[in-house]
């Protein structure tokens, strides 16, 4: 929804361009972080409607990151390598609203962002 914020734990600079373009098309602002401390610092400042997690970067911190996101009222979606099934399952167990393989998320970024911004 227009005017809402997204916080992306996505250090991949190439993919951040795609995410930024998708956010702009939705009329949203987007902030990027690349480590747990930066995420913790930025979460209460950004107050995101949606948190996007690159599981390859979040890794073992997924439980804490998802818990903090949910406490702040954010919807949380994650993506990761399809071959790392336990990583994807761990994100689901942690409470992500949706978990996508990299290929699906990258192919449908704009639609996924629109869907989860509209979710209540």
PDB file of N, CA and C in Angstrom:
ATOM      1  N   UNK A   1       0.847  -1.175   0.000  1.00  0.00           N
ATOM      2  CA  UNK A   1       0.000   0.000   0.000  1.00  0.00           C
ATOM      3  C   UNK A   1       0.890   1.236   0.000  1.00  0.00           C
ATOM      4  N   UNK A   2       0.463   2.241  -0.687  1.00  0.00           N
ATOM      5  CA  UNK A   2       1.262   3.455  -0.851  1.00  0.00           C
ATOM      6  C   UNK A   2       1.619   4.075   0.498  1.00  0.00           C
ATOM      7  N   UNK A   3       2.831   4.538   0.585  1.00  0.00           N
ATOM      8  CA  UNK A   3       3.289   5.232   1.773  1.00  0.00           C
ATOM      9  C   UNK A   3       3.843   4.341   2.862  1.00  0.00           C
ATOM     10  N   UNK A   4       3.730   3.048   2.710  1.00  0.00           N
ATOM     11  CA  UNK A   4       4.241   2.148   3.739  1.00  0.00           C
ATOM     12  C   UNK A   4       5.728   1.908   3.540  1.00  0.00           C
ATOM     13  N   UNK A   5       6.355   1.392   4.576  1.00  0.00           N
ATOM     14  CA  UNK A   5       7.792   1.151   4.543  1.00  0.00           C
ATOM     15  C   UNK A   5       8.089  -0.336   4.497  1.00  0.00           C
ATOM     16  N   UNK A   6       9.214  -0.640   3.878  1.00  0.00           N
ATOM     17  CA  UNK A   6       9.735  -1.998   3.804  1.00  0.00           C
ATOM     18  C   UNK A   6      11.140  -1.964   4.372  1.00  0.00           C
ATOM     19  N   UNK A   7      11.484  -2.954   5.176  1.00  0.00           N
ATOM     20  CA  UNK A   7      12.851  -3.129   5.662  1.00  0.00           C
ATOM     21  C   UNK A   7      13.357  -4.438   5.095  1.00  0.00           C
ATOM     22  N   UNK A   8      14.441  -4.363   4.340  1.00  0.00           N
ATOM     23  CA  UNK A   8      14.975  -5.536   3.658  1.00  0.00           C
ATOM     24  C   UNK A   8      16.341  -5.912   4.220  1.00  0.00           C
ATOM     25  N   UNK A   9      16.430  -7.098   4.780  1.00  0.00           N
ATOM     26  CA  UNK A   9      17.703  -7.655   5.244  1.00  0.00           C
ATOM     27  C   UNK A   9      18.272  -8.389   4.042  1.00  0.00           C
ATOM     28  N   UNK A  10      18.790  -7.607   3.106  1.00  0.00           N
ATOM     29  CA  UNK A  10      19.232  -8.118   1.806  1.00  0.00           C
ATOM     30  C   UNK A  10      20.520  -7.393   1.424  1.00  0.00           C
ATOM     31  N   UNK A  11      21.685  -7.989   1.669  1.00  0.00           N
ATOM     32  CA  UNK A  11      22.936  -7.319   1.344  1.00  0.00           C
ATOM     33  C   UNK A  11      23.351  -7.390  -0.123  1.00  0.00           C
ATOM     34  N   UNK A  12      22.683  -8.215  -0.917  1.00  0.00           N
ATOM     35  CA  UNK A  12      23.019  -8.374  -2.333  1.00  0.00           C
ATOM     36  C   UNK A  12      22.688  -7.079  -3.081  1.00  0.00           C
ATOM     37  N   UNK A  13      23.714  -6.350  -3.497  1.00  0.00           N
ATOM     38  CA  UNK A  13      23.510  -5.052  -4.142  1.00  0.00           C
ATOM     39  C   UNK A  13      22.740  -5.163  -5.454  1.00  0.00           C
ATOM     40  N   UNK A  14      22.989  -6.205  -6.217  1.00  0.00           N
ATOM     41  CA  UNK A  14      22.270  -6.371  -7.481  1.00  0.00           C
ATOM     42  C   UNK A  14      20.775  -6.585  -7.235  1.00  0.00           C
ATOM     43  N   UNK A  15      20.452  -7.394  -6.247  1.00  0.00           N
ATOM     44  CA  UNK A  15      19.048  -7.652  -5.971  1.00  0.00           C
ATOM     45  C   UNK A  15      18.381  -6.457  -5.295  1.00  0.00           C
ATOM     46  N   UNK A  16      19.147  -5.654  -4.569  1.00  0.00           N
ATOM     47  CA  UNK A  16      18.558  -4.492  -3.909  1.00  0.00           C
ATOM     48  C   UNK A  16      17.986  -3.504  -4.922  1.00  0.00           C
ATOM     49  N   UNK A  17      18.586  -3.429  -6.098  1.00  0.00           N
ATOM     50  CA  UNK A  17      18.061  -2.557  -7.150  1.00  0.00           C
ATOM     51  C   UNK A  17      16.662  -3.032  -7.561  1.00  0.00           C
ATOM     52  N   UNK A  18      16.498  -4.325  -7.762  1.00  0.00           N
ATOM     53  CA  UNK A  18      15.198  -4.889  -8.136  1.00  0.00           C
ATOM     54  C   UNK A  18      14.164  -4.647  -7.034  1.00  0.00           C
ATOM     55  N   UNK A  19      14.570  -4.831  -5.787  1.00  0.00           N
ATOM     56  CA  UNK A  19      13.653  -4.591  -4.671  1.00  0.00           C
ATOM     57  C   UNK A  19      13.258  -3.121  -4.590  1.00  0.00           C
ATOM     58  N   UNK A  20      14.225  -2.233  -4.760  1.00  0.00           N
ATOM     59  CA  UNK A  20      13.942  -0.797  -4.705  1.00  0.00           C
ATOM     60  C   UNK A  20      12.933  -0.411  -5.796  1.00  0.00           C
ATOM     61  N   UNK A  21      13.125  -0.916  -7.003  1.00  0.00           N
ATOM     62  CA  UNK A  21      12.202  -0.616  -8.099  1.00  0.00           C
ATOM     63  C   UNK A  21      10.795  -1.131  -7.791  1.00  0.00           C
ATOM     64  N   UNK A  22      10.696  -2.325  -7.249  1.00  0.00           N
ATOM     65  CA  UNK A  22       9.392  -2.894  -6.902  1.00  0.00           C
ATOM     66  C   UNK A  22       8.717  -2.075  -5.801  1.00  0.00           C
ATOM     67  N   UNK A  23       9.478  -1.630  -4.823  1.00  0.00           N
ATOM     68  CA  UNK A  23       8.919  -0.811  -3.737  1.00  0.00           C
ATOM     69  C   UNK A  23       8.411   0.521  -4.265  1.00  0.00           C
ATOM     70  N   UNK A  24       9.190   1.154  -5.134  1.00  0.00           N
ATOM     71  CA  UNK A  24       8.787   2.438  -5.713  1.00  0.00           C
ATOM     72  C   UNK A  24       7.485   2.283  -6.495  1.00  0.00           C
ATOM     73  N   UNK A  25       7.350   1.194  -7.241  1.00  0.00           N
ATOM     74  CA  UNK A  25       6.120   0.957  -8.002  1.00  0.00           C
ATOM     75  C   UNK A  25       4.912   0.809  -7.083  1.00  0.00           C
ATOM     76  N   UNK A  26       5.151   0.379  -5.840  1.00  0.00           N
ATOM     77  CA  UNK A  26       4.069   0.248  -4.865  1.00  0.00           C
ATOM     78  C   UNK A  26       3.877   1.531  -4.058  1.00  0.00           C
ATOM     79  N   UNK A  27       4.705   2.539  -4.316  1.00  0.00           N
ATOM     80  CA  UNK A  27       4.615   3.802  -3.582  1.00  0.00           C
ATOM     81  C   UNK A  27       5.176   3.704  -2.178  1.00  0.00           C
ATOM     82  N   UNK A  28       6.100   2.786  -1.968  1.00  0.00           N
ATOM     83  CA  UNK A  28       6.673   2.537  -0.640  1.00  0.00           C
ATOM     84  C   UNK A  28       8.117   3.028  -0.551  1.00  0.00           C
ATOM     85  N   UNK A  29       8.539   3.244   0.674  1.00  0.00           N
ATOM     86  CA  UNK A  29       9.953   3.473   0.922  1.00  0.00           C
ATOM     87  C   UNK A  29      10.570   2.133   1.291  1.00  0.00           C
ATOM     88  N   UNK A  30      11.873   2.014   1.075  1.00  0.00           N
ATOM     89  CA  UNK A  30      12.556   0.775   1.430  1.00  0.00           C
ATOM     90  C   UNK A  30      13.922   1.116   2.006  1.00  0.00           C
ATOM     91  N   UNK A  31      14.263   0.441   3.093  1.00  0.00           N
ATOM     92  CA  UNK A  31      15.577   0.579   3.722  1.00  0.00           C
ATOM     93  C   UNK A  31      16.236  -0.792   3.715  1.00  0.00           C
ATOM     94  N   UNK A  32      17.552  -0.805   3.555  1.00  0.00           N
ATOM     95  CA  UNK A  32      18.300  -2.048   3.495  1.00  0.00           C
ATOM     96  C   UNK A  32      19.258  -2.148   4.673  1.00  0.00           C
ATOM     97  N   UNK A  33      19.385  -3.367   5.210  1.00  0.00           N
ATOM     98  CA  UNK A  33      20.356  -3.671   6.256  1.00  0.00           C
ATOM     99  C   UNK A  33      21.086  -4.943   5.865  1.00  0.00           C
ATOM    100  N   UNK A  34      22.259  -5.149   6.473  1.00  0.00           N
ATOM    101  CA  UNK A  34      23.022  -6.340   6.089  1.00  0.00           C
ATOM    102  C   UNK A  34      23.628  -7.090   7.266  1.00  0.00           C
ATOM    103  N   UNK A  35      23.177  -6.762   8.497  1.00  0.00           N
ATOM    104  CA  UNK A  35      23.660  -7.510   9.645  1.00  0.00           C
ATOM    105  C   UNK A  35      22.648  -7.387  10.780  1.00  0.00           C
ATOM    106  N   UNK A  36      22.734  -8.273  11.775  1.00  0.00           N
ATOM    107  CA  UNK A  36      21.740  -8.282  12.849  1.00  0.00           C
ATOM    108  C   UNK A  36      21.688  -6.977  13.653  1.00  0.00           C
ATOM    109  N   UNK A  37      22.827  -6.376  13.928  1.00  0.00           N
ATOM    110  CA  UNK A  37      22.836  -5.132  14.713  1.00  0.00           C
ATOM    111  C   UNK A  37      22.147  -4.007  13.952  1.00  0.00           C
ATOM    112  N   UNK A  38      22.445  -3.894  12.660  1.00  0.00           N
ATOM    113  CA  UNK A  38      21.813  -2.863  11.842  1.00  0.00           C
ATOM    114  C   UNK A  38      20.308  -3.103  11.755  1.00  0.00           C
ATOM    115  N   UNK A  39      19.911  -4.368  11.638  1.00  0.00           N
ATOM    116  CA  UNK A  39      18.487  -4.695  11.599  1.00  0.00           C
ATOM    117  C   UNK A  39      17.815  -4.241  12.891  1.00  0.00           C
ATOM    118  N   UNK A  40      18.408  -4.588  14.026  1.00  0.00           N
ATOM    119  CA  UNK A  40      17.831  -4.212  15.327  1.00  0.00           C
ATOM    120  C   UNK A  40      17.730  -2.706  15.487  1.00  0.00           C
ATOM    121  N   UNK A  41      18.724  -1.993  14.998  1.00  0.00           N
ATOM    122  CA  UNK A  41      18.715  -0.531  15.100  1.00  0.00           C
ATOM    123  C   UNK A  41      17.663   0.103  14.197  1.00  0.00           C
ATOM    124  N   UNK A  42      17.529  -0.415  12.991  1.00  0.00           N
ATOM    125  CA  UNK A  42      16.652   0.216  12.002  1.00  0.00           C
ATOM    126  C   UNK A  42      15.180  -0.156  12.164  1.00  0.00           C
ATOM    127  N   UNK A  43      14.889  -1.331  12.704  1.00  0.00           N
ATOM    128  CA  UNK A  43      13.503  -1.796  12.806  1.00  0.00           C
ATOM    129  C   UNK A  43      12.601  -0.775  13.506  1.00  0.00           C
ATOM    130  N   UNK A  44      12.960  -0.270  14.680  1.00  0.00           N
ATOM    131  CA  UNK A  44      12.047   0.685  15.329  1.00  0.00           C
ATOM    132  C   UNK A  44      12.029   2.060  14.656  1.00  0.00           C
ATOM    133  N   UNK A  45      13.016   2.361  13.859  1.00  0.00           N
ATOM    134  CA  UNK A  45      13.049   3.650  13.154  1.00  0.00           C
ATOM    135  C   UNK A  45      12.216   3.614  11.879  1.00  0.00           C
ATOM    136  N   UNK A  46      12.271   2.497  11.169  1.00  0.00           N
ATOM    137  CA  UNK A  46      11.565   2.363   9.899  1.00  0.00           C
ATOM    138  C   UNK A  46      10.084   2.020  10.119  1.00  0.00           C
ATOM    139  N   UNK A  47       9.792   1.230  11.156  1.00  0.00           N
ATOM    140  CA  UNK A  47       8.438   0.740  11.417  1.00  0.00           C
ATOM    141  C   UNK A  47       7.814   0.150  10.149  1.00  0.00           C
ATOM    142  N   UNK A  48       8.445  -0.890   9.615  1.00  0.00           N
ATOM    143  CA  UNK A  48       8.007  -1.428   8.329  1.00  0.00           C
ATOM    144  C   UNK A  48       6.693  -2.194   8.395  1.00  0.00           C
ATOM    145  N   UNK A  49       5.934  -2.060   7.329  1.00  0.00           N
ATOM    146  CA  UNK A  49       4.755  -2.899   7.155  1.00  0.00           C
ATOM    147  C   UNK A  49       5.196  -4.294   6.716  1.00  0.00           C
ATOM    148  N   UNK A  50       6.343  -4.334   6.017  1.00  0.00           N
ATOM    149  CA  UNK A  50       6.845  -5.588   5.469  1.00  0.00           C
ATOM    150  C   UNK A  50       8.350  -5.686   5.698  1.00  0.00           C
ATOM    151  N   UNK A  51       8.780  -6.839   6.173  1.00  0.00           N
ATOM    152  CA  UNK A  51      10.202  -7.156   6.308  1.00  0.00           C
ATOM    153  C   UNK A  51      10.512  -8.266   5.318  1.00  0.00           C
ATOM    154  N   UNK A  52      11.589  -8.077   4.559  1.00  0.00           N
ATOM    155  CA  UNK A  52      12.023  -9.065   3.573  1.00  0.00           C
ATOM    156  C   UNK A  52      13.385  -9.586   4.010  1.00  0.00           C
ATOM    157  N   UNK A  53      13.518 -10.909   4.081  1.00  0.00           N
ATOM    158  CA  UNK A  53      14.743 -11.534   4.568  1.00  0.00           C
ATOM    159  C   UNK A  53      15.395 -12.413   3.512  1.00  0.00           C
ATOM    160  N   UNK A  54      16.668 -12.170   3.269  1.00  0.00           N
ATOM    161  CA  UNK A  54      17.490 -13.056   2.448  1.00  0.00           C
ATOM    162  C   UNK A  54      18.061 -14.097   3.400  1.00  0.00           C
ATOM    163  N   UNK A  55      17.537 -15.303   3.362  1.00  0.00           N
ATOM    164  CA  UNK A  55      17.923 -16.333   4.323  1.00  0.00           C
ATOM    165  C   UNK A  55      19.391 -16.713   4.233  1.00  0.00           C
ATOM    166  N   UNK A  56      19.992 -16.559   3.073  1.00  0.00           N
ATOM    167  CA  UNK A  56      21.415 -16.860   2.946  1.00  0.00           C
ATOM    168  C   UNK A  56      22.244 -15.900   3.799  1.00  0.00           C
ATOM    169  N   UNK A  57      21.719 -14.715   4.050  1.00  0.00           N
ATOM    170  CA  UNK A  57      22.417 -13.729   4.872  1.00  0.00           C
ATOM    171  C   UNK A  57      21.978 -13.772   6.328  1.00  0.00           C
ATOM    172  N   UNK A  58      20.690 -13.956   6.551  1.00  0.00           N
ATOM    173  CA  UNK A  58      20.160 -13.971   7.923  1.00  0.00           C
ATOM    174  C   UNK A  58      20.628 -15.216   8.659  1.00  0.00           C
ATOM    175  N   UNK A  59      20.592 -16.356   7.970  1.00  0.00           N
ATOM    176  CA  UNK A  59      21.087 -17.617   8.513  1.00  0.00           C
ATOM    177  C   UNK A  59      20.562 -17.962   9.890  1.00  0.00           C
ATOM    178  N   UNK A  60      21.465 -18.180  10.823  1.00  0.00           N
ATOM    179  CA  UNK A  60      21.122 -18.629  12.170  1.00  0.00           C
ATOM    180  C   UNK A  60      20.367 -17.581  12.964  1.00  0.00           C
ATOM    181  N   UNK A  61      20.348 -16.348  12.500  1.00  0.00           N
ATOM    182  CA  UNK A  61      19.644 -15.278  13.207  1.00  0.00           C
ATOM    183  C   UNK A  61      18.166 -15.200  12.851  1.00  0.00           C
ATOM    184  N   UNK A  62      17.666 -16.123  12.047  1.00  0.00           N
ATOM    185  CA  UNK A  62      16.303 -16.013  11.535  1.00  0.00           C
ATOM    186  C   UNK A  62      15.269 -15.966  12.654  1.00  0.00           C
ATOM    187  N   UNK A  63      15.395 -16.760  13.696  1.00  0.00           N
ATOM    188  CA  UNK A  63      14.404 -16.755  14.775  1.00  0.00           C
ATOM    189  C   UNK A  63      14.305 -15.387  15.429  1.00  0.00           C
ATOM    190  N   UNK A  64      15.437 -14.808  15.787  1.00  0.00           N
ATOM    191  CA  UNK A  64      15.445 -13.505  16.456  1.00  0.00           C
ATOM    192  C   UNK A  64      14.926 -12.405  15.539  1.00  0.00           C
ATOM    193  N   UNK A  65      15.309 -12.451  14.269  1.00  0.00           N
ATOM    194  CA  UNK A  65      14.883 -11.430  13.319  1.00  0.00           C
ATOM    195  C   UNK A  65      13.366 -11.510  13.097  1.00  0.00           C
ATOM    196  N   UNK A  66      12.838 -12.702  12.908  1.00  0.00           N
ATOM    197  CA  UNK A  66      11.398 -12.860  12.697  1.00  0.00           C
ATOM    198  C   UNK A  66      10.636 -12.464  13.958  1.00  0.00           C
ATOM    199  N   UNK A  67      11.116 -12.867  15.100  1.00  0.00           N
ATOM    200  CA  UNK A  67      10.460 -12.516  16.363  1.00  0.00           C
ATOM    201  C   UNK A  67      10.387 -10.990  16.525  1.00  0.00           C
ATOM    202  N   UNK A  68      11.486 -10.300  16.272  1.00  0.00           N
ATOM    203  CA  UNK A  68      11.510  -8.838  16.379  1.00  0.00           C
ATOM    204  C   UNK A  68      10.564  -8.205  15.368  1.00  0.00           C
ATOM    205  N   UNK A  69      10.532  -8.741  14.162  1.00  0.00           N
ATOM    206  CA  UNK A  69       9.644  -8.215  13.122  1.00  0.00           C
ATOM    207  C   UNK A  69       8.185  -8.341  13.545  1.00  0.00           C
ATOM    208  N   UNK A  70       7.831  -9.514  14.041  1.00  0.00           N
ATOM    209  CA  UNK A  70       6.455  -9.770  14.453  1.00  0.00           C
ATOM    210  C   UNK A  70       6.064  -8.900  15.651  1.00  0.00           C
ATOM    211  N   UNK A  71       6.975  -8.707  16.590  1.00  0.00           N
ATOM    212  CA  UNK A  71       6.689  -7.858  17.744  1.00  0.00           C
ATOM    213  C   UNK A  71       6.407  -6.425  17.313  1.00  0.00           C
ATOM    214  N   UNK A  72       7.037  -6.021  16.228  1.00  0.00           N
ATOM    215  CA  UNK A  72       6.806  -4.683  15.697  1.00  0.00           C
ATOM    216  C   UNK A  72       5.595  -4.593  14.788  1.00  0.00           C
ATOM    217  N   UNK A  73       4.907  -5.711  14.574  1.00  0.00           N
ATOM    218  CA  UNK A  73       3.701  -5.721  13.757  1.00  0.00           C
ATOM    219  C   UNK A  73       3.946  -5.853  12.265  1.00  0.00           C
ATOM    220  N   UNK A  74       5.140  -6.229  11.870  1.00  0.00           N
ATOM    221  CA  UNK A  74       5.467  -6.350  10.448  1.00  0.00           C
ATOM    222  C   UNK A  74       5.114  -7.730   9.905  1.00  0.00           C
ATOM    223  N   UNK A  75       4.651  -7.770   8.668  1.00  0.00           N
ATOM    224  CA  UNK A  75       4.553  -9.029   7.953  1.00  0.00           C
ATOM    225  C   UNK A  75       5.973  -9.356   7.487  1.00  0.00           C
ATOM    226  N   UNK A  76       6.299 -10.636   7.449  1.00  0.00           N
ATOM    227  CA  UNK A  76       7.669 -11.035   7.160  1.00  0.00           C
ATOM    228  C   UNK A  76       7.683 -12.113   6.080  1.00  0.00           C
ATOM    229  N   UNK A  77       8.433 -11.839   5.013  1.00  0.00           N
ATOM    230  CA  UNK A  77       8.622 -12.832   3.965  1.00  0.00           C
ATOM    231  C   UNK A  77      10.117 -13.071   3.800  1.00  0.00           C
ATOM    232  N   UNK A  78      10.450 -14.273   3.411  1.00  0.00           N
ATOM    233  CA  UNK A  78      11.859 -14.650   3.282  1.00  0.00           C
ATOM    234  C   UNK A  78      12.057 -15.409   1.984  1.00  0.00           C
ATOM    235  N   UNK A  79      13.294 -15.404   1.530  1.00  0.00           N
ATOM    236  CA  UNK A  79      13.653 -16.190   0.351  1.00  0.00           C
ATOM    237  C   UNK A  79      15.037 -16.766   0.558  1.00  0.00           C
ATOM    238  N   UNK A  80      15.261 -17.922  -0.087  1.00  0.00           N
ATOM    239  CA  UNK A  80      16.557 -18.579   0.038  1.00  0.00           C
ATOM    240  C   UNK A  80      16.720 -19.642  -1.027  1.00  0.00           C
ATOM    241  N   UNK A  81      17.897 -20.241  -1.069  1.00  0.00           N
ATOM    242  CA  UNK A  81      18.187 -21.263  -2.076  1.00  0.00           C
ATOM    243  C   UNK A  81      17.247 -22.469  -1.935  1.00  0.00           C
ATOM    244  N   UNK A  82      16.653 -22.898  -3.037  1.00  0.00           N
ATOM    245  CA  UNK A  82      15.703 -24.011  -2.979  1.00  0.00           C
ATOM    246  C   UNK A  82      16.362 -25.313  -2.530  1.00  0.00           C
ATOM    247  N   UNK A  83      17.665 -25.439  -2.717  1.00  0.00           N
ATOM    248  CA  UNK A  83      18.353 -26.668  -2.325  1.00  0.00           C
ATOM    249  C   UNK A  83      18.615 -26.733  -0.821  1.00  0.00           C
ATOM    250  N   UNK A  84      18.465 -25.609  -0.139  1.00  0.00           N
ATOM    251  CA  UNK A  84      18.666 -25.580   1.311  1.00  0.00           C
ATOM    252  C   UNK A  84      17.310 -25.687   2.007  1.00  0.00           C
ATOM    253  N   UNK A  85      16.728 -26.849   1.882  1.00  0.00           N
ATOM    254  CA  UNK A  85      15.377 -27.086   2.387  1.00  0.00           C
ATOM    255  C   UNK A  85      15.255 -26.826   3.888  1.00  0.00           C
ATOM    256  N   UNK A  86      16.269 -27.179   4.653  1.00  0.00           N
ATOM    257  CA  UNK A  86      16.207 -26.950   6.101  1.00  0.00           C
ATOM    258  C   UNK A  86      16.222 -25.452   6.426  1.00  0.00           C
ATOM    259  N   UNK A  87      16.955 -24.677   5.666  1.00  0.00           N
ATOM    260  CA  UNK A  87      16.976 -23.229   5.847  1.00  0.00           C
ATOM    261  C   UNK A  87      15.585 -22.641   5.595  1.00  0.00           C
ATOM    262  N   UNK A  88      14.943 -23.069   4.516  1.00  0.00           N
ATOM    263  CA  UNK A  88      13.590 -22.607   4.201  1.00  0.00           C
ATOM    264  C   UNK A  88      12.597 -23.070   5.267  1.00  0.00           C
ATOM    265  N   UNK A  89      12.713 -24.315   5.692  1.00  0.00           N
ATOM    266  CA  UNK A  89      11.817 -24.847   6.727  1.00  0.00           C
ATOM    267  C   UNK A  89      12.033 -24.114   8.046  1.00  0.00           C
ATOM    268  N   UNK A  90      13.264 -23.774   8.359  1.00  0.00           N
ATOM    269  CA  UNK A  90      13.558 -23.028   9.588  1.00  0.00           C
ATOM    270  C   UNK A  90      12.890 -21.667   9.593  1.00  0.00           C
ATOM    271  N   UNK A  91      12.839 -21.013   8.450  1.00  0.00           N
ATOM    272  CA  UNK A  91      12.166 -19.717   8.343  1.00  0.00           C
ATOM    273  C   UNK A  91      10.661 -19.873   8.541  1.00  0.00           C
ATOM    274  N   UNK A  92      10.107 -20.948   8.024  1.00  0.00           N
ATOM    275  CA  UNK A  92       8.681 -21.217   8.241  1.00  0.00           C
ATOM    276  C   UNK A  92       8.409 -21.469   9.724  1.00  0.00           C
ATOM    277  N   UNK A  93       9.256 -22.283  10.351  1.00  0.00           N
ATOM    278  CA  UNK A  93       9.091 -22.562  11.783  1.00  0.00           C
ATOM    279  C   UNK A  93       9.245 -21.297  12.620  1.00  0.00           C
ATOM    280  N   UNK A  94      10.102 -20.396  12.172  1.00  0.00           N
ATOM    281  CA  UNK A  94      10.338 -19.145  12.909  1.00  0.00           C
ATOM    282  C   UNK A  94       9.126 -18.216  12.844  1.00  0.00           C
ATOM    283  N   UNK A  95       8.221 -18.466  11.887  1.00  0.00           N
ATOM    284  CA  UNK A  95       7.006 -17.675  11.810  1.00  0.00           C
ATOM    285  C   UNK A  95       6.901 -16.716  10.643  1.00  0.00           C
ATOM    286  N   UNK A  96       7.747 -16.887   9.637  1.00  0.00           N
ATOM    287  CA  UNK A  96       7.613 -16.049   8.438  1.00  0.00           C
ATOM    288  C   UNK A  96       6.223 -16.248   7.843  1.00  0.00           C
ATOM    289  N   UNK A  97       5.655 -15.175   7.344  1.00  0.00           N
ATOM    290  CA  UNK A  97       4.349 -15.266   6.703  1.00  0.00           C
ATOM    291  C   UNK A  97       4.421 -16.064   5.412  1.00  0.00           C
ATOM    292  N   UNK A  98       5.555 -15.965   4.727  1.00  0.00           N
ATOM    293  CA  UNK A  98       5.760 -16.727   3.488  1.00  0.00           C
ATOM    294  C   UNK A  98       7.253 -16.920   3.284  1.00  0.00           C
ATOM    295  N   UNK A  99       7.597 -18.061   2.688  1.00  0.00           N
ATOM    296  CA  UNK A  99       8.987 -18.378   2.371  1.00  0.00           C
ATOM    297  C   UNK A  99       9.027 -18.844   0.923  1.00  0.00           C
ATOM    298  N   UNK A 100       9.918 -18.240   0.147  1.00  0.00           N
ATOM    299  CA  UNK A 100      10.006 -18.521  -1.282  1.00  0.00           C
ATOM    300  C   UNK A 100      11.411 -18.993  -1.650  1.00  0.00           C
ATOM    301  N   UNK A 101      11.506 -19.862  -2.637  1.00  0.00           N
ATOM    302  CA  UNK A 101      12.831 -20.138  -3.199  1.00  0.00           C
ATOM    303  C   UNK A 101      13.299 -18.883  -3.940  1.00  0.00           C
ATOM    304  N   UNK A 102      14.610 -18.703  -4.012  1.00  0.00           N
ATOM    305  CA  UNK A 102      15.171 -17.524  -4.677  1.00  0.00           C
ATOM    306  C   UNK A 102      14.549 -17.266  -6.041  1.00  0.00           C
ATOM    307  N   UNK A 103      14.465 -18.299  -6.853  1.00  0.00           N
ATOM    308  CA  UNK A 103      13.993 -18.123  -8.230  1.00  0.00           C
ATOM    309  C   UNK A 103      12.577 -17.547  -8.266  1.00  0.00           C
ATOM    310  N   UNK A 104      11.690 -18.052  -7.440  1.00  0.00           N
ATOM    311  CA  UNK A 104      10.305 -17.572  -7.392  1.00  0.00           C
ATOM    312  C   UNK A 104      10.257 -16.131  -6.898  1.00  0.00           C
ATOM    313  N   UNK A 105      10.994 -15.845  -5.840  1.00  0.00           N
ATOM    314  CA  UNK A 105      10.959 -14.493  -5.287  1.00  0.00           C
ATOM    315  C   UNK A 105      11.517 -13.478  -6.284  1.00  0.00           C
ATOM    316  N   UNK A 106      12.629 -13.814  -6.905  1.00  0.00           N
ATOM    317  CA  UNK A 106      13.245 -12.882  -7.849  1.00  0.00           C
ATOM    318  C   UNK A 106      12.404 -12.692  -9.100  1.00  0.00           C
ATOM    319  N   UNK A 107      11.717 -13.739  -9.544  1.00  0.00           N
ATOM    320  CA  UNK A 107      10.890 -13.645 -10.736  1.00  0.00           C
ATOM    321  C   UNK A 107       9.615 -12.841 -10.458  1.00  0.00           C
ATOM    322  N   UNK A 108       9.054 -12.970  -9.270  1.00  0.00           N
ATOM    323  CA  UNK A 108       7.759 -12.362  -8.937  1.00  0.00           C
ATOM    324  C   UNK A 108       7.862 -11.300  -7.836  1.00  0.00           C
ATOM    325  N   UNK A 109       8.992 -10.632  -7.736  1.00  0.00           N
ATOM    326  CA  UNK A 109       9.231  -9.672  -6.654  1.00  0.00           C
ATOM    327  C   UNK A 109       8.095  -8.667  -6.502  1.00  0.00           C
ATOM    328  N   UNK A 110       7.744  -8.022  -7.582  1.00  0.00           N
ATOM    329  CA  UNK A 110       6.731  -6.969  -7.490  1.00  0.00           C
ATOM    330  C   UNK A 110       5.380  -7.510  -7.017  1.00  0.00           C
ATOM    331  N   UNK A 111       4.951  -8.632  -7.563  1.00  0.00           N
ATOM    332  CA  UNK A 111       3.666  -9.214  -7.173  1.00  0.00           C
ATOM    333  C   UNK A 111       3.686  -9.676  -5.717  1.00  0.00           C
ATOM    334  N   UNK A 112       4.798 -10.247  -5.277  1.00  0.00           N
ATOM    335  CA  UNK A 112       4.905 -10.717  -3.888  1.00  0.00           C
ATOM    336  C   UNK A 112       4.850  -9.535  -2.933  1.00  0.00           C
ATOM    337  N   UNK A 113       5.574  -8.479  -3.247  1.00  0.00           N
ATOM    338  CA  UNK A 113       5.547  -7.290  -2.385  1.00  0.00           C
ATOM    339  C   UNK A 113       4.136  -6.720  -2.331  1.00  0.00           C
ATOM    340  N   UNK A 114       3.488  -6.598  -3.469  1.00  0.00           N
ATOM    341  CA  UNK A 114       2.120  -6.070  -3.502  1.00  0.00           C
ATOM    342  C   UNK A 114       1.189  -6.943  -2.666  1.00  0.00           C
ATOM    343  N   UNK A 115       1.311  -8.252  -2.803  1.00  0.00           N
ATOM    344  CA  UNK A 115       0.447  -9.186  -2.062  1.00  0.00           C
ATOM    345  C   UNK A 115       0.605  -8.997  -0.557  1.00  0.00           C
ATOM    346  N   UNK A 116       1.844  -8.936  -0.082  1.00  0.00           N
ATOM    347  CA  UNK A 116       2.059  -8.894   1.364  1.00  0.00           C
ATOM    348  C   UNK A 116       1.863  -7.506   1.961  1.00  0.00           C
ATOM    349  N   UNK A 117       1.987  -6.477   1.159  1.00  0.00           N
ATOM    350  CA  UNK A 117       1.631  -5.137   1.646  1.00  0.00           C
ATOM    351  C   UNK A 117       0.122  -5.018   1.806  1.00  0.00           C
ATOM    352  N   UNK A 118      -0.630  -5.715   0.943  1.00  0.00           N
ATOM    353  CA  UNK A 118      -2.086  -5.669   1.004  1.00  0.00           C
ATOM    354  C   UNK A 118      -2.663  -6.583   2.077  1.00  0.00           C
ATOM    355  N   UNK A 119      -1.877  -7.562   2.537  1.00  0.00           N
ATOM    356  CA  UNK A 119      -2.359  -8.526   3.544  1.00  0.00           C
ATOM    357  C   UNK A 119      -2.593  -7.812   4.873  1.00  0.00           C
ATOM    358  N   UNK A 120      -3.608  -8.225   5.543  1.00  0.00           N
ATOM    359  CA  UNK A 120      -3.906  -7.632   6.855  1.00  0.00           C
ATOM    360  C   UNK A 120      -3.844  -8.645   7.932  1.00  0.00           C
TER     361      UNK A 120
END
